[in-house]
Protein backbone atom coordinates (compact mmCIF):
# COMPACT_ATOMS: atom_id res chain seq x y z
CA MET A 1 74.48 127.59 68.19
CA ASN A 2 73.19 124.68 69.48
CA TRP A 3 76.28 122.65 68.12
CA LEU A 4 78.38 125.33 69.70
CA ILE A 5 77.13 124.98 73.01
CA THR A 6 77.13 121.52 73.06
CA LEU A 7 80.71 121.25 71.58
CA VAL A 8 81.61 123.85 74.39
CA SER A 9 79.84 121.67 76.88
CA VAL A 10 81.77 118.03 76.02
CA ALA A 11 85.04 120.15 75.94
CA LEU A 12 84.13 121.29 79.31
CA VAL A 13 83.21 117.78 80.64
CA LEU A 14 86.53 116.09 79.11
CA GLN A 15 88.89 118.75 80.77
CA ILE A 16 86.70 118.06 84.36
CA VAL A 17 87.07 113.92 83.63
CA LEU A 18 90.99 114.58 82.45
CA PHE A 19 91.83 117.22 86.09
CA ILE A 20 90.05 114.18 88.29
CA MET A 21 91.95 111.44 86.65
CA GLY A 22 95.36 113.22 86.63
CA ARG A 23 95.02 114.08 90.33
CA ARG A 24 94.13 110.43 90.97
CA ILE A 25 97.39 109.29 89.35
CA ARG A 26 99.64 111.72 90.94
CA LYS A 27 97.82 110.75 94.56
CA ARG A 28 98.82 107.09 93.43
CA GLU A 29 102.44 107.71 92.15
CA LYS A 30 102.80 109.88 95.60
CA GLU A 31 102.09 107.07 97.70
CA ASN A 32 104.20 104.57 96.05
CA SER A 33 107.17 106.72 95.89
CA ILE A 34 110.01 106.53 98.49
CA ILE A 35 111.16 109.70 98.26
CA GLU A 36 107.43 111.36 99.30
CA LYS A 37 106.42 108.42 101.71
CA TYR A 38 110.02 109.32 104.04
CA LYS A 39 110.15 112.97 102.94
CA ILE A 40 113.70 112.23 101.31
CA ASP A 41 115.14 115.77 100.32
CA SER A 42 119.04 115.57 101.03
CA ARG A 43 121.49 112.28 101.06
CA GLN A 44 122.11 113.03 104.90
CA LYS A 45 118.05 112.40 105.53
CA ALA A 46 118.60 109.05 103.20
CA TRP A 47 121.46 107.83 105.09
CA GLN A 48 119.64 108.52 108.43
CA LEU A 49 116.72 106.06 106.79
CA LEU A 50 119.53 103.76 105.88
CA GLY A 51 120.02 103.26 109.66
CA ASP A 52 116.93 103.12 110.52
CA THR A 53 115.59 99.46 111.69
CA SER A 54 111.97 100.35 111.68
CA ILE A 55 111.73 101.06 108.27
CA PRO A 56 110.87 97.51 106.12
CA GLU A 57 113.80 95.77 104.23
CA GLU A 58 112.45 96.29 100.85
CA ASP A 59 112.03 99.90 101.46
CA ARG A 60 116.01 100.91 102.76
CA GLU A 61 117.12 98.85 99.56
CA LYS A 62 115.17 101.23 97.42
CA ILE A 63 116.64 104.08 99.61
CA ARG A 64 119.98 102.65 99.28
CA VAL A 65 119.57 102.50 95.80
CA LEU A 66 118.64 106.08 95.63
CA TYR A 67 121.64 107.09 97.80
CA ASP A 68 123.98 105.67 95.73
CA GLY A 69 122.46 107.24 92.62
CA GLU A 70 122.38 104.23 91.10
CA GLU A 71 119.34 103.10 87.83
CA GLU A 72 116.78 101.23 89.28
CA GLU A 73 115.83 98.08 86.74
CA SER A 74 112.09 97.67 86.01
């Protein structure tokens, strides 16, 4: 019976750790995503952002690639 309790406890701790790590990874990806950062949901929104001079040039280039539908080379 002790082995069963130990096994269930280890599985529970593992699930909690995986949940927390997954949330951290998703949060980091969301911070780095241009789509999430500028709330781009259409080509029109991307076009408007391309003309906005307050957006850094690096971000505008990523939006242009997204707007044109080109593949990014990583």
